Amino acid sequence: MTDQLNEFTNENGCPTCGNMLTSAVKYTWWGGFIGPKLLHHTKCNACKFTYNSKSRRSNTSGIIIYSILLFVVAFAMVFFINKK
């Protein structure tokens, strides 16, 4: 099954191996259900490489930024709740 994201970006296949069979990632340990959707996280079915389907590059920097922002928001919420 060809991923619909490839049709949207007019790009074909995995950027590392060129395989046409990719799938959108629905859940990850670092982003739950929301993170992969925000970063357009896609996985190649052949080589298992995960990447951003829009930029066709690795999502590593996006994952780090997303995780830091999530930590800052969670810390701020705990700090302000405990301050009362």
N, C-alpha and C. Protein backbone atom coordinates (compact mmCIF):
# COMPACT_ATOMS: atom_id res chain seq x y z
N MET A 1 0.84 -1.18 0.00
CA MET A 1 0.00 0.00 0.00
C MET A 1 0.89 1.24 0.00
N THR A 2 0.78 2.06 -0.99
CA THR A 2 1.57 3.29 -1.08
C THR A 2 0.98 4.33 -0.15
N ASP A 3 1.84 5.00 0.55
CA ASP A 3 1.40 6.01 1.51
C ASP A 3 0.82 7.22 0.78
N GLN A 4 -0.26 7.76 1.30
CA GLN A 4 -0.89 8.93 0.70
C GLN A 4 -0.03 10.17 0.86
N LEU A 5 0.85 10.21 1.86
CA LEU A 5 1.73 11.35 2.03
C LEU A 5 2.67 11.52 0.85
N ASN A 6 3.10 10.42 0.25
CA ASN A 6 3.97 10.51 -0.92
C ASN A 6 3.26 11.18 -2.09
N GLU A 7 1.98 10.93 -2.25
CA GLU A 7 1.22 11.57 -3.31
C GLU A 7 1.08 13.06 -3.05
N PHE A 8 0.95 13.44 -1.78
CA PHE A 8 0.79 14.85 -1.41
C PHE A 8 2.06 15.64 -1.73
N THR A 9 3.22 15.07 -1.47
CA THR A 9 4.47 15.79 -1.66
C THR A 9 5.06 15.59 -3.06
N ASN A 10 4.44 14.77 -3.86
CA ASN A 10 4.95 14.46 -5.20
C ASN A 10 6.35 13.84 -5.15
N GLU A 11 6.69 13.21 -4.07
CA GLU A 11 7.95 12.50 -3.93
C GLU A 11 7.64 11.02 -3.83
N ASN A 12 8.53 10.21 -4.33
CA ASN A 12 8.28 8.78 -4.31
C ASN A 12 9.32 8.07 -3.47
N GLY A 13 8.84 7.23 -2.57
CA GLY A 13 9.70 6.31 -1.86
C GLY A 13 10.53 6.88 -0.75
N CYS A 14 11.23 5.98 -0.12
CA CYS A 14 12.11 6.29 1.00
C CYS A 14 13.34 7.06 0.51
N PRO A 15 13.78 8.09 1.26
CA PRO A 15 14.96 8.84 0.83
C PRO A 15 16.27 8.06 0.94
N THR A 16 16.29 6.98 1.73
CA THR A 16 17.53 6.21 1.87
C THR A 16 17.61 5.02 0.93
N CYS A 17 16.51 4.26 0.81
CA CYS A 17 16.58 3.06 -0.02
C CYS A 17 15.73 3.15 -1.30
N GLY A 18 14.84 4.14 -1.38
CA GLY A 18 14.01 4.32 -2.56
C GLY A 18 12.78 3.44 -2.62
N ASN A 19 12.53 2.65 -1.58
CA ASN A 19 11.36 1.78 -1.57
C ASN A 19 10.09 2.62 -1.60
N MET A 20 9.13 2.18 -2.38
CA MET A 20 7.88 2.92 -2.54
C MET A 20 6.89 2.67 -1.40
N LEU A 21 7.10 1.63 -0.62
CA LEU A 21 6.16 1.28 0.43
C LEU A 21 6.56 1.95 1.75
N THR A 22 5.81 2.99 2.12
CA THR A 22 6.02 3.69 3.38
C THR A 22 4.69 3.79 4.11
N SER A 23 4.77 4.08 5.39
CA SER A 23 3.53 4.24 6.16
C SER A 23 3.71 5.36 7.18
N ALA A 24 2.62 6.07 7.43
CA ALA A 24 2.64 7.14 8.42
C ALA A 24 2.72 6.51 9.81
N VAL A 25 3.58 7.05 10.65
CA VAL A 25 3.71 6.57 12.02
C VAL A 25 2.57 7.17 12.83
N LYS A 26 1.86 6.32 13.58
CA LYS A 26 0.71 6.81 14.34
C LYS A 26 1.02 7.07 15.80
N TYR A 27 2.02 6.38 16.37
CA TYR A 27 2.35 6.54 17.78
C TYR A 27 3.85 6.33 17.97
N THR A 28 4.45 7.17 18.83
CA THR A 28 5.86 7.00 19.20
C THR A 28 6.01 7.20 20.70
N TRP A 29 7.09 6.73 21.27
CA TRP A 29 7.34 6.89 22.70
C TRP A 29 7.63 8.34 23.04
N TRP A 30 8.20 9.11 22.11
CA TRP A 30 8.57 10.49 22.38
C TRP A 30 7.44 11.48 22.14
N GLY A 31 6.47 11.13 21.32
CA GLY A 31 5.44 12.11 20.98
C GLY A 31 4.02 11.63 21.13
N GLY A 32 3.87 10.39 21.59
CA GLY A 32 2.52 9.86 21.73
C GLY A 32 1.81 9.81 20.39
N PHE A 33 0.57 10.30 20.35
CA PHE A 33 -0.19 10.33 19.11
C PHE A 33 -0.05 11.66 18.38
N ILE A 34 0.29 12.73 19.10
CA ILE A 34 0.33 14.07 18.51
C ILE A 34 1.65 14.36 17.80
N GLY A 35 2.78 14.00 18.41
CA GLY A 35 4.11 14.30 17.85
C GLY A 35 4.31 13.82 16.42
N PRO A 36 4.01 12.57 16.10
CA PRO A 36 4.21 12.10 14.73
C PRO A 36 3.35 12.85 13.70
N LYS A 37 2.17 13.27 14.11
CA LYS A 37 1.31 14.03 13.19
C LYS A 37 1.87 15.43 12.95
N LEU A 38 2.38 16.06 14.01
CA LEU A 38 2.95 17.39 13.87
C LEU A 38 4.20 17.40 12.98
N LEU A 39 4.99 16.33 13.10
CA LEU A 39 6.26 16.26 12.36
C LEU A 39 6.16 15.46 11.06
N HIS A 40 4.97 15.02 10.70
CA HIS A 40 4.77 14.23 9.47
C HIS A 40 5.72 13.03 9.44
N HIS A 41 5.77 12.31 10.56
CA HIS A 41 6.70 11.20 10.76
C HIS A 41 6.26 10.00 9.92
N THR A 42 7.15 9.53 9.06
CA THR A 42 6.86 8.43 8.14
C THR A 42 7.94 7.37 8.27
N LYS A 43 7.55 6.11 8.09
CA LYS A 43 8.50 5.00 8.22
C LYS A 43 8.53 4.17 6.95
N CYS A 44 9.73 3.86 6.48
CA CYS A 44 9.90 2.99 5.32
C CYS A 44 9.64 1.55 5.76
N ASN A 45 8.86 0.83 4.98
CA ASN A 45 8.54 -0.55 5.33
C ASN A 45 9.71 -1.50 5.05
N ALA A 46 10.66 -1.09 4.23
CA ALA A 46 11.78 -1.97 3.89
C ALA A 46 12.96 -1.78 4.84
N CYS A 47 13.49 -0.56 4.92
CA CYS A 47 14.70 -0.33 5.73
C CYS A 47 14.40 0.23 7.12
N LYS A 48 13.13 0.51 7.41
CA LYS A 48 12.67 1.01 8.71
C LYS A 48 13.18 2.40 9.05
N PHE A 49 13.70 3.14 8.07
CA PHE A 49 14.14 4.52 8.28
C PHE A 49 12.92 5.40 8.51
N THR A 50 12.97 6.25 9.54
CA THR A 50 11.87 7.18 9.79
C THR A 50 12.32 8.58 9.44
N TYR A 51 11.41 9.33 8.84
CA TYR A 51 11.74 10.65 8.32
C TYR A 51 10.50 11.52 8.22
N ASN A 52 10.71 12.80 7.94
CA ASN A 52 9.63 13.75 7.73
C ASN A 52 9.20 13.63 6.28
N SER A 53 7.93 13.33 6.05
CA SER A 53 7.47 13.09 4.68
C SER A 53 7.41 14.37 3.84
N LYS A 54 7.38 15.53 4.47
CA LYS A 54 7.38 16.78 3.70
C LYS A 54 8.78 17.18 3.27
N SER A 55 9.74 17.14 4.22
CA SER A 55 11.10 17.56 3.89
C SER A 55 11.96 16.40 3.40
N ARG A 56 11.51 15.15 3.64
CA ARG A 56 12.24 13.93 3.29
C ARG A 56 13.59 13.86 4.00
N ARG A 57 13.66 14.45 5.20
CA ARG A 57 14.87 14.40 6.02
C ARG A 57 14.54 13.77 7.37
N SER A 58 15.57 13.45 8.10
CA SER A 58 15.40 12.86 9.42
C SER A 58 14.67 13.84 10.35
N ASN A 59 13.87 13.31 11.25
CA ASN A 59 13.13 14.12 12.21
C ASN A 59 13.87 14.32 13.53
N THR A 60 15.14 13.96 13.60
CA THR A 60 15.86 14.00 14.87
C THR A 60 15.83 15.38 15.51
N SER A 61 16.15 16.43 14.77
CA SER A 61 16.15 17.77 15.36
C SER A 61 14.73 18.18 15.77
N GLY A 62 13.74 17.84 14.98
CA GLY A 62 12.35 18.14 15.32
C GLY A 62 11.92 17.41 16.58
N ILE A 63 12.35 16.17 16.73
CA ILE A 63 12.01 15.38 17.92
C ILE A 63 12.65 16.00 19.16
N ILE A 64 13.88 16.44 19.05
CA ILE A 64 14.56 17.06 20.19
C ILE A 64 13.85 18.35 20.60
N ILE A 65 13.52 19.19 19.63
CA ILE A 65 12.83 20.45 19.92
C ILE A 65 11.46 20.17 20.52
N TYR A 66 10.73 19.22 19.96
CA TYR A 66 9.41 18.86 20.47
C TYR A 66 9.51 18.37 21.92
N SER A 67 10.49 17.54 22.20
CA SER A 67 10.66 17.00 23.55
C SER A 67 11.03 18.08 24.56
N ILE A 68 11.91 19.00 24.16
CA ILE A 68 12.30 20.10 25.06
C ILE A 68 11.10 20.99 25.35
N LEU A 69 10.34 21.34 24.31
CA LEU A 69 9.16 22.18 24.52
C LEU A 69 8.15 21.50 25.43
N LEU A 70 7.94 20.21 25.23
CA LEU A 70 7.02 19.45 26.07
C LEU A 70 7.48 19.45 27.52
N PHE A 71 8.79 19.28 27.74
CA PHE A 71 9.34 19.30 29.09
C PHE A 71 9.16 20.67 29.73
N VAL A 72 9.43 21.75 29.00
CA VAL A 72 9.30 23.11 29.53
C VAL A 72 7.85 23.39 29.92
N VAL A 73 6.92 23.02 29.06
CA VAL A 73 5.49 23.24 29.36
C VAL A 73 5.08 22.44 30.59
N ALA A 74 5.48 21.18 30.67
CA ALA A 74 5.13 20.35 31.82
C ALA A 74 5.76 20.91 33.10
N PHE A 75 7.01 21.34 33.03
CA PHE A 75 7.69 21.91 34.20
C PHE A 75 6.99 23.19 34.65
N ALA A 76 6.63 24.05 33.70
CA ALA A 76 5.94 25.30 34.03
C ALA A 76 4.59 25.02 34.68
N MET A 77 3.87 24.04 34.18
CA MET A 77 2.57 23.69 34.76
C MET A 77 2.73 23.20 36.20
N VAL A 78 3.68 22.33 36.43
CA VAL A 78 3.92 21.81 37.79
C VAL A 78 4.38 22.94 38.70
N PHE A 79 5.25 23.80 38.22
CA PHE A 79 5.76 24.91 39.02
C PHE A 79 4.63 25.85 39.44
N PHE A 80 3.77 26.23 38.51
CA PHE A 80 2.69 27.17 38.82
C PHE A 80 1.58 26.53 39.66
N ILE A 81 1.35 25.25 39.49
CA ILE A 81 0.34 24.56 40.31
C ILE A 81 0.83 24.45 41.75
N ASN A 82 2.10 24.14 41.95
CA ASN A 82 2.65 23.97 43.29
C ASN A 82 2.93 25.30 43.98
N LYS A 83 2.97 26.40 43.24
CA LYS A 83 3.25 27.71 43.79
C LYS A 83 2.07 28.23 44.61
N LYS A 84 0.88 27.80 44.29
CA LYS A 84 -0.34 28.30 44.99
C LYS A 84 -0.42 27.87 46.39
